[in-house]
């Protein structure tokens, strides 16, 4: 899958769930629940115990989903994730060498940035999309709209503060896609046997994206 195809799928779905869990098994169950709701893009964070094995298994057993690696802090980790099947690399911050290694191997890279200077620096370094994190700490959708006004050419994925209540406002503000955390990736609900709630919420998120696209 080319980097262009990866970015097109991410944009089409409009959501990048940020997968966090206390075990490999729970992480895989969360993916299953969300995929049943129609989501097929997932960011597997390196904070999950056995995250590399989770990525490798998804890449091997779930060709229907697009798997990326999250919370990647250095180029060495990025390369390991690529070799295990990650098709995009996400970080909460900007590491220039990580961007460079992703460019070398034609892998989409989404470094984190928050201020205008950080965002432009990441973009000039070669980032494909900027992860604006934590977006809620700066005012949420209104902040994203303010940043997009002078930087319409820079694609951004807001993460932090995205919920069913705020999703549409972030899309209206110009988000390339939405980085969705605990509001959707509810490990507690899964552990309590409420997978159906996660599946239902995944479908509701996708419906918000579809309605936004249709009205655009």
N, C-alpha and C. Protein backbone atom coordinates (compact mmCIF):
# COMPACT_ATOMS: atom_id res chain seq x y z
N UNK A 1 0.85 -1.19 0.00
CA UNK A 1 0.00 0.00 0.00
C UNK A 1 0.88 1.24 0.00
N UNK A 2 0.67 2.13 -0.94
CA UNK A 2 1.48 3.33 -1.03
C UNK A 2 1.11 4.33 0.06
N UNK A 3 2.02 5.26 0.30
CA UNK A 3 1.73 6.30 1.29
C UNK A 3 0.50 7.11 0.88
N UNK A 4 0.37 7.35 -0.40
CA UNK A 4 -0.79 8.10 -0.88
C UNK A 4 -2.09 7.36 -0.56
N UNK A 5 -2.08 6.05 -0.78
CA UNK A 5 -3.27 5.24 -0.49
C UNK A 5 -3.58 5.24 1.00
N UNK A 6 -2.55 5.21 1.82
CA UNK A 6 -2.73 5.26 3.28
C UNK A 6 -3.41 6.56 3.67
N UNK A 7 -2.91 7.66 3.14
CA UNK A 7 -3.48 8.96 3.49
C UNK A 7 -4.91 9.10 2.98
N UNK A 8 -5.17 8.56 1.81
CA UNK A 8 -6.52 8.63 1.25
C UNK A 8 -7.51 7.83 2.09
N UNK A 9 -7.08 6.66 2.58
CA UNK A 9 -7.97 5.86 3.42
C UNK A 9 -8.22 6.55 4.75
N UNK A 10 -7.19 7.14 5.31
CA UNK A 10 -7.33 7.85 6.57
C UNK A 10 -8.29 9.03 6.43
N UNK A 11 -8.14 9.76 5.34
CA UNK A 11 -9.02 10.90 5.10
C UNK A 11 -10.44 10.45 4.84
N UNK A 12 -10.60 9.37 4.08
CA UNK A 12 -11.93 8.87 3.76
C UNK A 12 -12.70 8.42 5.00
N UNK A 13 -12.02 7.67 5.88
CA UNK A 13 -12.65 7.21 7.11
C UNK A 13 -12.91 8.40 8.04
N UNK A 14 -11.94 9.30 8.11
CA UNK A 14 -12.11 10.50 8.92
C UNK A 14 -11.84 10.32 10.40
N UNK A 15 -11.43 9.11 10.79
CA UNK A 15 -11.19 8.82 12.20
C UNK A 15 -9.91 8.01 12.35
N UNK A 16 -9.16 8.32 13.39
CA UNK A 16 -7.99 7.52 13.76
C UNK A 16 -8.09 7.24 15.26
N UNK A 17 -8.71 6.12 15.64
CA UNK A 17 -8.80 5.78 17.05
C UNK A 17 -7.41 5.56 17.65
N UNK A 18 -7.19 6.15 18.81
CA UNK A 18 -5.91 6.02 19.50
C UNK A 18 -6.05 4.87 20.49
N UNK A 19 -5.44 3.76 20.14
CA UNK A 19 -5.65 2.52 20.89
C UNK A 19 -4.72 2.45 22.10
N UNK A 20 -5.34 2.44 23.29
CA UNK A 20 -4.60 2.25 24.55
C UNK A 20 -5.29 1.16 25.34
N UNK A 21 -4.49 0.26 25.91
CA UNK A 21 -5.05 -0.86 26.68
C UNK A 21 -3.96 -1.42 27.59
N UNK A 22 -4.40 -2.19 28.58
CA UNK A 22 -3.46 -2.75 29.55
C UNK A 22 -2.90 -4.11 29.13
N UNK A 23 -3.39 -4.65 28.02
CA UNK A 23 -2.90 -5.95 27.57
C UNK A 23 -3.10 -6.09 26.06
N UNK A 24 -2.38 -7.04 25.48
CA UNK A 24 -2.53 -7.32 24.06
C UNK A 24 -3.94 -7.79 23.75
N UNK A 25 -4.46 -8.67 24.59
CA UNK A 25 -5.78 -9.24 24.36
C UNK A 25 -6.85 -8.15 24.35
N UNK A 26 -6.77 -7.23 25.30
CA UNK A 26 -7.75 -6.15 25.38
C UNK A 26 -7.65 -5.24 24.16
N UNK A 27 -6.43 -4.97 23.73
CA UNK A 27 -6.24 -4.13 22.55
C UNK A 27 -6.89 -4.75 21.32
N UNK A 28 -6.70 -6.05 21.13
CA UNK A 28 -7.27 -6.74 19.98
C UNK A 28 -8.80 -6.78 20.07
N UNK A 29 -9.32 -6.91 21.27
CA UNK A 29 -10.78 -6.90 21.45
C UNK A 29 -11.37 -5.53 21.11
N UNK A 30 -10.64 -4.48 21.47
CA UNK A 30 -11.10 -3.12 21.15
C UNK A 30 -11.13 -2.92 19.64
N UNK A 31 -10.10 -3.38 18.95
CA UNK A 31 -10.07 -3.28 17.49
C UNK A 31 -11.26 -4.01 16.89
N UNK A 32 -11.52 -5.20 17.40
CA UNK A 32 -12.64 -5.99 16.88
C UNK A 32 -13.97 -5.26 17.06
N UNK A 33 -14.17 -4.70 18.25
CA UNK A 33 -15.42 -3.99 18.52
C UNK A 33 -15.59 -2.78 17.62
N UNK A 34 -14.52 -2.00 17.44
CA UNK A 34 -14.62 -0.80 16.61
C UNK A 34 -14.76 -1.15 15.13
N UNK A 35 -14.08 -2.21 14.69
CA UNK A 35 -14.19 -2.60 13.29
C UNK A 35 -15.59 -3.10 12.96
N UNK A 36 -16.26 -3.71 13.93
CA UNK A 36 -17.64 -4.13 13.73
C UNK A 36 -18.56 -2.93 13.53
N UNK A 37 -18.13 -1.78 14.04
CA UNK A 37 -18.88 -0.54 13.85
C UNK A 37 -18.52 0.17 12.56
N UNK A 38 -17.55 -0.38 11.82
CA UNK A 38 -17.19 0.16 10.51
C UNK A 38 -15.85 0.86 10.41
N UNK A 39 -15.13 1.00 11.51
CA UNK A 39 -13.83 1.68 11.47
C UNK A 39 -12.75 0.70 11.03
N UNK A 40 -11.87 1.15 10.12
CA UNK A 40 -10.81 0.26 9.65
C UNK A 40 -9.43 0.92 9.66
N UNK A 41 -9.26 1.95 10.50
CA UNK A 41 -7.96 2.60 10.70
C UNK A 41 -7.70 2.65 12.20
N UNK A 42 -6.50 2.21 12.62
CA UNK A 42 -6.20 2.17 14.04
C UNK A 42 -4.75 2.58 14.31
N UNK A 43 -4.59 3.39 15.36
CA UNK A 43 -3.27 3.77 15.85
C UNK A 43 -2.97 2.95 17.10
N UNK A 44 -2.04 2.02 16.98
CA UNK A 44 -1.65 1.15 18.10
C UNK A 44 -0.51 1.84 18.85
N UNK A 45 -0.79 2.34 20.04
CA UNK A 45 0.23 3.11 20.76
C UNK A 45 1.26 2.20 21.40
N UNK A 46 2.45 2.73 21.51
CA UNK A 46 3.55 1.97 22.10
C UNK A 46 3.42 1.82 23.61
N UNK A 47 2.42 2.45 24.20
CA UNK A 47 2.19 2.29 25.64
C UNK A 47 1.48 0.98 25.96
N UNK A 48 0.96 0.28 24.96
CA UNK A 48 0.30 -1.01 25.19
C UNK A 48 1.38 -2.07 25.43
N UNK A 49 1.28 -2.86 26.49
CA UNK A 49 2.23 -3.96 26.67
C UNK A 49 2.15 -4.90 25.46
N UNK A 50 3.29 -5.15 24.84
CA UNK A 50 3.29 -6.01 23.65
C UNK A 50 2.75 -5.32 22.41
N UNK A 51 2.89 -4.00 22.34
CA UNK A 51 2.35 -3.23 21.21
C UNK A 51 2.85 -3.73 19.86
N UNK A 52 4.12 -4.09 19.79
CA UNK A 52 4.69 -4.57 18.53
C UNK A 52 3.99 -5.86 18.10
N UNK A 53 3.73 -6.74 19.04
CA UNK A 53 3.03 -7.99 18.71
C UNK A 53 1.60 -7.72 18.25
N UNK A 54 0.95 -6.73 18.87
CA UNK A 54 -0.40 -6.36 18.46
C UNK A 54 -0.39 -5.88 17.01
N UNK A 55 0.55 -5.00 16.68
CA UNK A 55 0.66 -4.50 15.31
C UNK A 55 0.92 -5.62 14.32
N UNK A 56 1.87 -6.48 14.67
CA UNK A 56 2.24 -7.58 13.78
C UNK A 56 1.05 -8.51 13.54
N UNK A 57 0.32 -8.80 14.59
CA UNK A 57 -0.82 -9.70 14.45
C UNK A 57 -1.92 -9.07 13.60
N UNK A 58 -2.21 -7.80 13.82
CA UNK A 58 -3.22 -7.13 13.02
C UNK A 58 -2.81 -7.07 11.55
N UNK A 59 -1.53 -6.75 11.32
CA UNK A 59 -1.04 -6.68 9.94
C UNK A 59 -1.14 -8.03 9.25
N UNK A 60 -0.95 -9.09 10.01
CA UNK A 60 -0.96 -10.44 9.44
C UNK A 60 -2.38 -11.01 9.29
N UNK A 61 -3.21 -10.76 10.30
CA UNK A 61 -4.52 -11.42 10.35
C UNK A 61 -5.69 -10.53 9.91
N UNK A 62 -5.46 -9.22 9.85
CA UNK A 62 -6.56 -8.31 9.51
C UNK A 62 -6.17 -7.41 8.33
N UNK A 63 -6.09 -7.99 7.13
CA UNK A 63 -5.74 -7.18 5.95
C UNK A 63 -6.79 -6.12 5.64
N UNK A 64 -7.95 -6.22 6.29
CA UNK A 64 -9.01 -5.25 6.06
C UNK A 64 -8.81 -3.96 6.85
N UNK A 65 -7.85 -3.93 7.76
CA UNK A 65 -7.64 -2.72 8.56
C UNK A 65 -6.28 -2.10 8.27
N UNK A 66 -6.23 -0.79 8.41
CA UNK A 66 -4.99 -0.03 8.24
C UNK A 66 -4.39 0.21 9.62
N UNK A 67 -3.19 -0.31 9.83
CA UNK A 67 -2.57 -0.27 11.16
C UNK A 67 -1.42 0.72 11.17
N UNK A 68 -1.42 1.58 12.18
CA UNK A 68 -0.32 2.50 12.38
C UNK A 68 0.22 2.39 13.79
N UNK A 69 1.37 2.98 14.03
CA UNK A 69 2.00 2.95 15.34
C UNK A 69 1.92 4.34 15.96
N UNK A 70 1.54 4.39 17.24
CA UNK A 70 1.42 5.67 17.94
C UNK A 70 2.37 5.77 19.12
N UNK A 71 2.56 6.98 19.61
CA UNK A 71 3.49 7.27 20.70
C UNK A 71 4.89 6.79 20.36
N UNK A 72 5.27 7.02 19.11
CA UNK A 72 6.61 6.66 18.64
C UNK A 72 7.52 7.87 18.87
N UNK A 73 8.56 7.67 19.66
CA UNK A 73 9.39 8.80 20.10
C UNK A 73 10.76 8.90 19.42
N UNK A 74 11.12 7.88 18.64
CA UNK A 74 12.46 7.89 18.05
C UNK A 74 12.47 7.09 16.76
N UNK A 75 13.48 7.30 15.91
CA UNK A 75 13.51 6.62 14.62
C UNK A 75 13.72 5.11 14.73
N UNK A 76 14.41 4.67 15.76
CA UNK A 76 14.63 3.23 15.93
C UNK A 76 13.31 2.50 16.15
N UNK A 77 12.47 3.06 17.02
CA UNK A 77 11.15 2.46 17.26
C UNK A 77 10.30 2.53 16.00
N UNK A 78 10.38 3.65 15.29
CA UNK A 78 9.61 3.80 14.05
C UNK A 78 9.97 2.70 13.06
N UNK A 79 11.24 2.42 12.92
CA UNK A 79 11.68 1.39 11.95
C UNK A 79 11.19 0.00 12.37
N UNK A 80 11.25 -0.31 13.64
CA UNK A 80 10.76 -1.61 14.12
C UNK A 80 9.27 -1.74 13.79
N UNK A 81 8.53 -0.67 14.03
CA UNK A 81 7.09 -0.71 13.76
C UNK A 81 6.80 -0.90 12.27
N UNK A 82 7.56 -0.23 11.43
CA UNK A 82 7.40 -0.41 9.99
C UNK A 82 7.60 -1.87 9.59
N UNK A 83 8.65 -2.48 10.12
CA UNK A 83 8.97 -3.86 9.78
C UNK A 83 7.90 -4.83 10.25
N UNK A 84 7.14 -4.43 11.26
CA UNK A 84 6.08 -5.30 11.79
C UNK A 84 4.71 -4.98 11.19
N UNK A 85 4.69 -4.09 10.21
CA UNK A 85 3.44 -3.86 9.48
C UNK A 85 2.78 -2.51 9.64
N UNK A 86 3.35 -1.60 10.43
CA UNK A 86 2.75 -0.27 10.59
C UNK A 86 2.84 0.50 9.29
N UNK A 87 1.72 1.06 8.86
CA UNK A 87 1.68 1.81 7.61
C UNK A 87 1.72 3.31 7.83
N UNK A 88 1.65 3.75 9.07
CA UNK A 88 1.85 5.16 9.39
C UNK A 88 2.38 5.26 10.82
N UNK A 89 3.09 6.34 11.08
CA UNK A 89 3.78 6.55 12.36
C UNK A 89 3.28 7.86 12.98
N UNK A 90 2.86 7.76 14.24
CA UNK A 90 2.31 8.93 14.94
C UNK A 90 3.11 9.17 16.22
N UNK A 91 3.32 10.44 16.54
CA UNK A 91 4.05 10.79 17.76
C UNK A 91 3.34 11.95 18.45
N UNK A 92 3.46 12.05 19.77
CA UNK A 92 2.87 13.20 20.47
C UNK A 92 3.71 14.46 20.33
N UNK A 93 4.91 14.31 19.77
CA UNK A 93 5.83 15.44 19.63
C UNK A 93 6.59 15.31 18.31
N UNK A 94 7.45 16.28 18.04
CA UNK A 94 8.22 16.28 16.80
C UNK A 94 9.65 15.80 17.05
N UNK A 95 10.02 14.74 16.34
CA UNK A 95 11.40 14.27 16.32
C UNK A 95 11.82 14.24 14.86
N UNK A 96 12.72 15.12 14.48
CA UNK A 96 13.10 15.28 13.08
C UNK A 96 13.63 13.98 12.48
N UNK A 97 14.43 13.24 13.23
CA UNK A 97 14.99 12.00 12.70
C UNK A 97 13.91 10.95 12.44
N UNK A 98 12.85 10.98 13.24
CA UNK A 98 11.74 10.06 12.99
C UNK A 98 11.04 10.43 11.67
N UNK A 99 10.86 11.71 11.44
CA UNK A 99 10.27 12.16 10.17
C UNK A 99 11.15 11.73 9.01
N UNK A 100 12.45 11.87 9.17
CA UNK A 100 13.38 11.54 8.09
C UNK A 100 13.36 10.05 7.74
N UNK A 101 13.29 9.19 8.75
CA UNK A 101 13.30 7.76 8.45
C UNK A 101 11.98 7.33 7.81
N UNK A 102 10.90 7.99 8.17
CA UNK A 102 9.62 7.69 7.52
C UNK A 102 9.65 8.13 6.06
N UNK A 103 10.26 9.27 5.79
CA UNK A 103 10.40 9.72 4.41
C UNK A 103 11.26 8.74 3.61
N UNK A 104 12.31 8.24 4.23
CA UNK A 104 13.22 7.31 3.55
C UNK A 104 12.50 6.06 3.08
N UNK A 105 11.59 5.57 3.92
CA UNK A 105 10.89 4.33 3.59
C UNK A 105 9.47 4.56 3.08
N UNK A 106 9.14 5.80 2.74
CA UNK A 106 7.86 6.16 2.16
C UNK A 106 6.69 5.75 3.04
N UNK A 107 6.82 6.03 4.34
CA UNK A 107 5.78 5.74 5.31
C UNK A 107 5.19 7.06 5.81
N UNK A 108 3.87 7.14 5.87
CA UNK A 108 3.22 8.36 6.34
C UNK A 108 3.61 8.65 7.78
N UNK A 109 3.91 9.93 8.06
CA UNK A 109 4.34 10.30 9.40
C UNK A 109 3.51 11.47 9.90
N UNK A 110 3.03 11.34 11.15
CA UNK A 110 2.14 12.33 11.76
C UNK A 110 2.70 12.75 13.12
N UNK A 111 3.66 13.67 13.13
CA UNK A 111 4.22 14.12 14.40
C UNK A 111 3.28 15.06 15.13
N UNK A 112 3.44 15.12 16.43
CA UNK A 112 2.61 16.00 17.24
C UNK A 112 3.20 17.40 17.33
N UNK A 113 2.33 18.39 17.33
CA UNK A 113 2.73 19.78 17.50
C UNK A 113 1.52 20.54 18.02
N UNK A 114 1.75 21.71 18.60
CA UNK A 114 0.64 22.45 19.19
C UNK A 114 0.63 23.92 18.80
N UNK A 115 1.76 24.59 18.96
CA UNK A 115 1.80 26.02 18.64
C UNK A 115 2.01 26.23 17.14
N UNK A 116 1.72 27.43 16.63
CA UNK A 116 1.96 27.70 15.21
C UNK A 116 3.40 27.42 14.80
N UNK A 117 4.36 27.80 15.63
CA UNK A 117 5.76 27.55 15.30
C UNK A 117 6.06 26.06 15.22
N UNK A 118 5.56 25.29 16.17
CA UNK A 118 5.78 23.84 16.15
C UNK A 118 5.13 23.20 14.93
N UNK A 119 3.93 23.64 14.61
CA UNK A 119 3.20 23.07 13.47
C UNK A 119 3.94 23.34 12.16
N UNK A 120 4.38 24.57 11.97
CA UNK A 120 5.10 24.91 10.74
C UNK A 120 6.44 24.18 10.68
N UNK A 121 7.11 24.08 11.82
CA UNK A 121 8.39 23.35 11.86
C UNK A 121 8.21 21.90 11.45
N UNK A 122 7.17 21.26 11.96
CA UNK A 122 6.89 19.87 11.62
C UNK A 122 6.55 19.72 10.14
N UNK A 123 5.76 20.64 9.64
CA UNK A 123 5.36 20.61 8.23
C UNK A 123 6.57 20.80 7.32
N UNK A 124 7.41 21.78 7.66
CA UNK A 124 8.61 22.02 6.84
C UNK A 124 9.60 20.87 6.90
N UNK A 125 9.55 20.10 8.01
CA UNK A 125 10.44 18.95 8.14
C UNK A 125 9.97 17.78 7.27
N UNK A 126 8.74 17.84 6.78
CA UNK A 126 8.25 16.79 5.89
C UNK A 126 7.10 15.96 6.42
N UNK A 127 6.46 16.42 7.49
CA UNK A 127 5.32 15.68 8.03
C UNK A 127 4.19 15.64 7.00
N UNK A 128 3.51 14.50 6.94
CA UNK A 128 2.37 14.37 6.02
C UNK A 128 1.12 15.02 6.61
N UNK A 129 0.92 14.83 7.88
CA UNK A 129 -0.19 15.43 8.62
C UNK A 129 0.34 15.78 10.00
N UNK A 130 -0.13 16.87 10.57
CA UNK A 130 0.28 17.26 11.91
C UNK A 130 -0.77 16.81 12.91
N UNK A 131 -0.34 16.11 13.94
CA UNK A 131 -1.23 15.76 15.04
C UNK A 131 -1.24 16.93 16.01
N UNK A 132 -2.34 17.67 16.04
CA UNK A 132 -2.45 18.83 16.94
C UNK A 132 -2.88 18.29 18.31
N UNK A 133 -1.92 18.26 19.21
CA UNK A 133 -2.13 17.60 20.51
C UNK A 133 -1.45 18.36 21.64
N UNK A 134 -2.14 18.51 22.79
CA UNK A 134 -3.54 18.21 23.05
C UNK A 134 -4.44 19.37 22.64
N UNK A 135 -5.30 19.13 21.67
CA UNK A 135 -6.12 20.20 21.10
C UNK A 135 -7.05 20.84 22.12
N UNK A 136 -7.56 20.03 23.04
CA UNK A 136 -8.50 20.57 24.03
C UNK A 136 -7.84 21.57 24.97
N UNK A 137 -6.54 21.43 25.18
CA UNK A 137 -5.84 22.33 26.09
C UNK A 137 -5.74 23.75 25.54
N UNK A 138 -5.95 23.89 24.22
CA UNK A 138 -5.83 25.20 23.58
C UNK A 138 -7.17 25.76 23.10
N UNK A 139 -8.26 25.10 23.49
CA UNK A 139 -9.57 25.63 23.11
C UNK A 139 -10.33 24.77 22.13
N UNK A 140 -9.78 23.61 21.77
CA UNK A 140 -10.51 22.68 20.92
C UNK A 140 -10.68 23.15 19.49
N UNK A 141 -11.90 23.02 18.97
CA UNK A 141 -12.17 23.31 17.57
C UNK A 141 -11.90 24.76 17.20
N UNK A 142 -12.16 25.67 18.11
CA UNK A 142 -11.93 27.09 17.82
C UNK A 142 -10.44 27.35 17.60
N UNK A 143 -9.59 26.63 18.34
CA UNK A 143 -8.15 26.79 18.16
C UNK A 143 -7.73 26.24 16.79
N UNK A 144 -8.25 25.07 16.44
CA UNK A 144 -7.90 24.48 15.15
C UNK A 144 -8.31 25.41 14.01
N UNK A 145 -9.49 25.97 14.11
CA UNK A 145 -9.96 26.90 13.08
C UNK A 145 -9.04 28.11 12.96
N UNK A 146 -8.58 28.61 14.10
CA UNK A 146 -7.67 29.76 14.09
C UNK A 146 -6.34 29.42 13.44
N UNK A 147 -5.85 28.20 13.69
CA UNK A 147 -4.57 27.77 13.12
C UNK A 147 -4.70 27.51 11.62
N UNK A 148 -5.82 26.91 11.21
CA UNK A 148 -6.02 26.59 9.80
C UNK A 148 -6.17 27.84 8.95
N UNK A 149 -6.64 28.93 9.52
CA UNK A 149 -6.86 30.14 8.73
C UNK A 149 -5.59 30.60 8.00
N UNK A 150 -4.44 30.74 8.69
CA UNK A 150 -3.23 31.13 7.98
C UNK A 150 -2.46 29.96 7.38
N UNK A 151 -2.87 28.72 7.72
CA UNK A 151 -2.13 27.54 7.25
C UNK A 151 -3.09 26.52 6.60
N UNK A 152 -3.86 26.93 5.61
CA UNK A 152 -4.83 26.02 5.01
C UNK A 152 -4.18 24.84 4.29
N UNK A 153 -2.91 25.02 3.90
CA UNK A 153 -2.22 23.97 3.16
C UNK A 153 -1.68 22.86 4.06
N UNK A 154 -1.71 23.05 5.38
CA UNK A 154 -1.17 22.08 6.32
C UNK A 154 -2.31 21.20 6.84
N UNK A 155 -2.22 19.90 6.57
CA UNK A 155 -3.25 18.98 7.04
C UNK A 155 -3.04 18.70 8.53
N UNK A 156 -4.14 18.68 9.29
CA UNK A 156 -4.05 18.52 10.73
C UNK A 156 -5.09 17.54 11.26
N UNK A 157 -4.67 16.73 12.23
CA UNK A 157 -5.56 15.82 12.93
C UNK A 157 -5.59 16.24 14.40
N UNK A 158 -6.69 16.83 14.85
CA UNK A 158 -6.77 17.19 16.27
C UNK A 158 -6.96 15.95 17.13
N UNK A 159 -6.25 15.89 18.22
CA UNK A 159 -6.36 14.79 19.18
C UNK A 159 -6.39 15.39 20.58
N UNK A 160 -7.31 14.89 21.39
CA UNK A 160 -7.49 15.47 22.72
C UNK A 160 -8.74 16.32 22.71
N UNK A 161 -9.78 15.83 23.37
CA UNK A 161 -11.02 16.59 23.41
C UNK A 161 -12.00 16.24 22.31
N UNK A 162 -11.67 15.25 21.47
CA UNK A 162 -12.60 14.84 20.42
C UNK A 162 -13.62 13.88 21.03
N UNK A 163 -14.89 14.19 20.85
CA UNK A 163 -15.98 13.36 21.37
C UNK A 163 -17.13 13.41 20.37
N UNK A 164 -18.18 12.65 20.65
CA UNK A 164 -19.36 12.72 19.79
C UNK A 164 -19.94 14.14 19.76
N UNK A 165 -19.80 14.85 20.87
CA UNK A 165 -20.33 16.21 20.95
C UNK A 165 -19.49 17.23 20.20
N UNK A 166 -18.18 16.98 20.09
CA UNK A 166 -17.28 17.96 19.47
C UNK A 166 -16.80 17.57 18.08
N UNK A 167 -17.06 16.33 17.66
CA UNK A 167 -16.52 15.84 16.39
C UNK A 167 -16.88 16.74 15.22
N UNK A 168 -18.13 17.09 15.11
CA UNK A 168 -18.56 17.90 13.97
C UNK A 168 -17.87 19.27 13.97
N UNK A 169 -17.71 19.86 15.13
CA UNK A 169 -17.08 21.19 15.19
C UNK A 169 -15.62 21.11 14.74
N UNK A 170 -14.93 20.02 15.06
CA UNK A 170 -13.55 19.85 14.60
C UNK A 170 -13.49 19.67 13.09
N UNK A 171 -14.45 18.93 12.54
CA UNK A 171 -14.50 18.76 11.09
C UNK A 171 -14.80 20.09 10.41
N UNK A 172 -15.73 20.84 10.95
CA UNK A 172 -16.05 22.16 10.41
C UNK A 172 -14.84 23.10 10.46
N UNK A 173 -13.99 22.89 11.45
CA UNK A 173 -12.80 23.74 11.62
C UNK A 173 -11.69 23.40 10.64
N UNK A 174 -11.84 22.29 9.90
CA UNK A 174 -10.85 21.96 8.88
C UNK A 174 -10.00 20.75 9.16
N UNK A 175 -10.41 19.90 10.11
CA UNK A 175 -9.62 18.71 10.42
C UNK A 175 -9.53 17.75 9.24
N UNK A 176 -8.35 17.23 9.00
CA UNK A 176 -8.13 16.21 7.97
C UNK A 176 -8.83 14.92 8.38
N UNK A 177 -8.74 14.60 9.64
CA UNK A 177 -9.42 13.45 10.27
C UNK A 177 -9.40 13.73 11.76
N UNK A 178 -10.04 12.87 12.53
CA UNK A 178 -10.13 13.07 13.98
C UNK A 178 -9.37 12.00 14.73
N UNK A 179 -8.49 12.42 15.63
CA UNK A 179 -7.82 11.48 16.52
C UNK A 179 -8.71 11.28 17.75
N UNK A 180 -9.29 10.10 17.86
CA UNK A 180 -10.28 9.85 18.92
C UNK A 180 -9.68 8.95 19.99
N UNK A 181 -9.75 9.39 21.23
CA UNK A 181 -9.19 8.63 22.34
C UNK A 181 -10.23 7.92 23.16
N UNK A 182 -10.23 8.18 24.45
CA UNK A 182 -11.02 7.41 25.41
C UNK A 182 -12.52 7.50 25.20
N UNK A 183 -13.01 8.54 24.54
CA UNK A 183 -14.44 8.63 24.32
C UNK A 183 -14.95 7.47 23.47
N UNK A 184 -14.08 6.95 22.59
CA UNK A 184 -14.43 5.80 21.76
C UNK A 184 -13.69 4.55 22.20
N UNK A 185 -12.40 4.69 22.42
CA UNK A 185 -11.56 3.54 22.77
C UNK A 185 -11.69 3.32 24.28
N UNK A 186 -12.81 2.79 24.67
CA UNK A 186 -13.18 2.66 26.08
C UNK A 186 -12.77 1.29 26.63
N UNK A 187 -11.54 1.22 27.14
CA UNK A 187 -11.04 -0.06 27.66
C UNK A 187 -11.86 -0.54 28.85
N UNK A 188 -12.37 0.40 29.63
CA UNK A 188 -13.18 0.03 30.79
C UNK A 188 -14.46 -0.67 30.38
N UNK A 189 -15.13 -0.12 29.37
CA UNK A 189 -16.36 -0.75 28.88
C UNK A 189 -16.08 -2.13 28.33
N UNK A 190 -14.98 -2.27 27.60
CA UNK A 190 -14.62 -3.57 27.05
C UNK A 190 -14.36 -4.58 28.15
N UNK A 191 -13.61 -4.16 29.16
CA UNK A 191 -13.28 -5.06 30.27
C UNK A 191 -14.53 -5.51 31.02
N UNK A 192 -15.57 -4.67 30.99
CA UNK A 192 -16.82 -4.99 31.68
C UNK A 192 -17.82 -5.70 30.78
N UNK A 193 -17.38 -6.11 29.60
CA UNK A 193 -18.24 -6.87 28.71
C UNK A 193 -19.24 -6.05 27.92
N UNK A 194 -18.94 -4.74 27.74
CA UNK A 194 -19.87 -3.86 27.03
C UNK A 194 -19.33 -3.49 25.66
N UNK A 195 -18.86 -4.50 24.93
CA UNK A 195 -18.29 -4.26 23.60
C UNK A 195 -19.30 -3.62 22.66
N UNK A 196 -20.56 -3.98 22.83
CA UNK A 196 -21.60 -3.45 21.94
C UNK A 196 -21.69 -1.92 22.01
N UNK A 197 -21.37 -1.35 23.17
CA UNK A 197 -21.40 0.10 23.30
C UNK A 197 -20.31 0.75 22.44
N UNK A 198 -19.15 0.11 22.39
CA UNK A 198 -18.04 0.63 21.59
C UNK A 198 -18.39 0.51 20.11
N UNK A 199 -18.95 -0.62 19.72
CA UNK A 199 -19.35 -0.81 18.32
C UNK A 199 -20.38 0.24 17.91
N UNK A 200 -21.35 0.47 18.77
CA UNK A 200 -22.38 1.46 18.48
C UNK A 200 -21.80 2.86 18.36
N UNK A 201 -20.90 3.19 19.26
CA UNK A 201 -20.30 4.53 19.23
C UNK A 201 -19.42 4.71 17.99
N UNK A 202 -18.72 3.66 17.57
CA UNK A 202 -17.92 3.73 16.35
C UNK A 202 -18.80 4.08 15.16
N UNK A 203 -19.94 3.43 15.07
CA UNK A 203 -20.87 3.70 13.97
C UNK A 203 -21.38 5.13 14.03
N UNK A 204 -21.62 5.63 15.23
CA UNK A 204 -22.11 7.00 15.38
C UNK A 204 -21.06 8.02 14.94
N UNK A 205 -19.80 7.76 15.27
CA UNK A 205 -18.72 8.64 14.81
C UNK A 205 -18.67 8.66 13.29
N UNK A 206 -18.73 7.49 12.68
CA UNK A 206 -18.67 7.41 11.23
C UNK A 206 -19.85 8.12 10.58
N UNK A 207 -20.99 8.06 11.23
CA UNK A 207 -22.16 8.75 10.70
C UNK A 207 -21.96 10.26 10.72
N UNK A 208 -21.31 10.77 11.76
CA UNK A 208 -21.02 12.20 11.82
C UNK A 208 -20.12 12.60 10.66
N UNK A 209 -19.08 11.78 10.40
CA UNK A 209 -18.16 12.07 9.30
C UNK A 209 -18.91 12.02 7.96
N UNK A 210 -19.73 11.00 7.77
CA UNK A 210 -20.46 10.85 6.50
C UNK A 210 -21.39 12.05 6.27
N UNK A 211 -22.09 12.46 7.29
CA UNK A 211 -23.00 13.59 7.14
C UNK A 211 -22.23 14.88 6.82
N UNK A 212 -21.07 15.04 7.45
CA UNK A 212 -20.23 16.21 7.16
C UNK A 212 -19.78 16.19 5.71
N UNK A 213 -19.31 15.03 5.25
CA UNK A 213 -18.84 14.92 3.86
C UNK A 213 -19.97 15.18 2.87
N UNK A 214 -21.15 14.65 3.15
CA UNK A 214 -22.27 14.80 2.23
C UNK A 214 -22.75 16.25 2.14
N UNK A 215 -22.59 16.97 3.23
CA UNK A 215 -23.03 18.36 3.24
C UNK A 215 -21.99 19.29 2.63
N UNK A 216 -20.74 18.77 2.57
CA UNK A 216 -19.67 19.60 2.01
C UNK A 216 -19.74 19.68 0.50
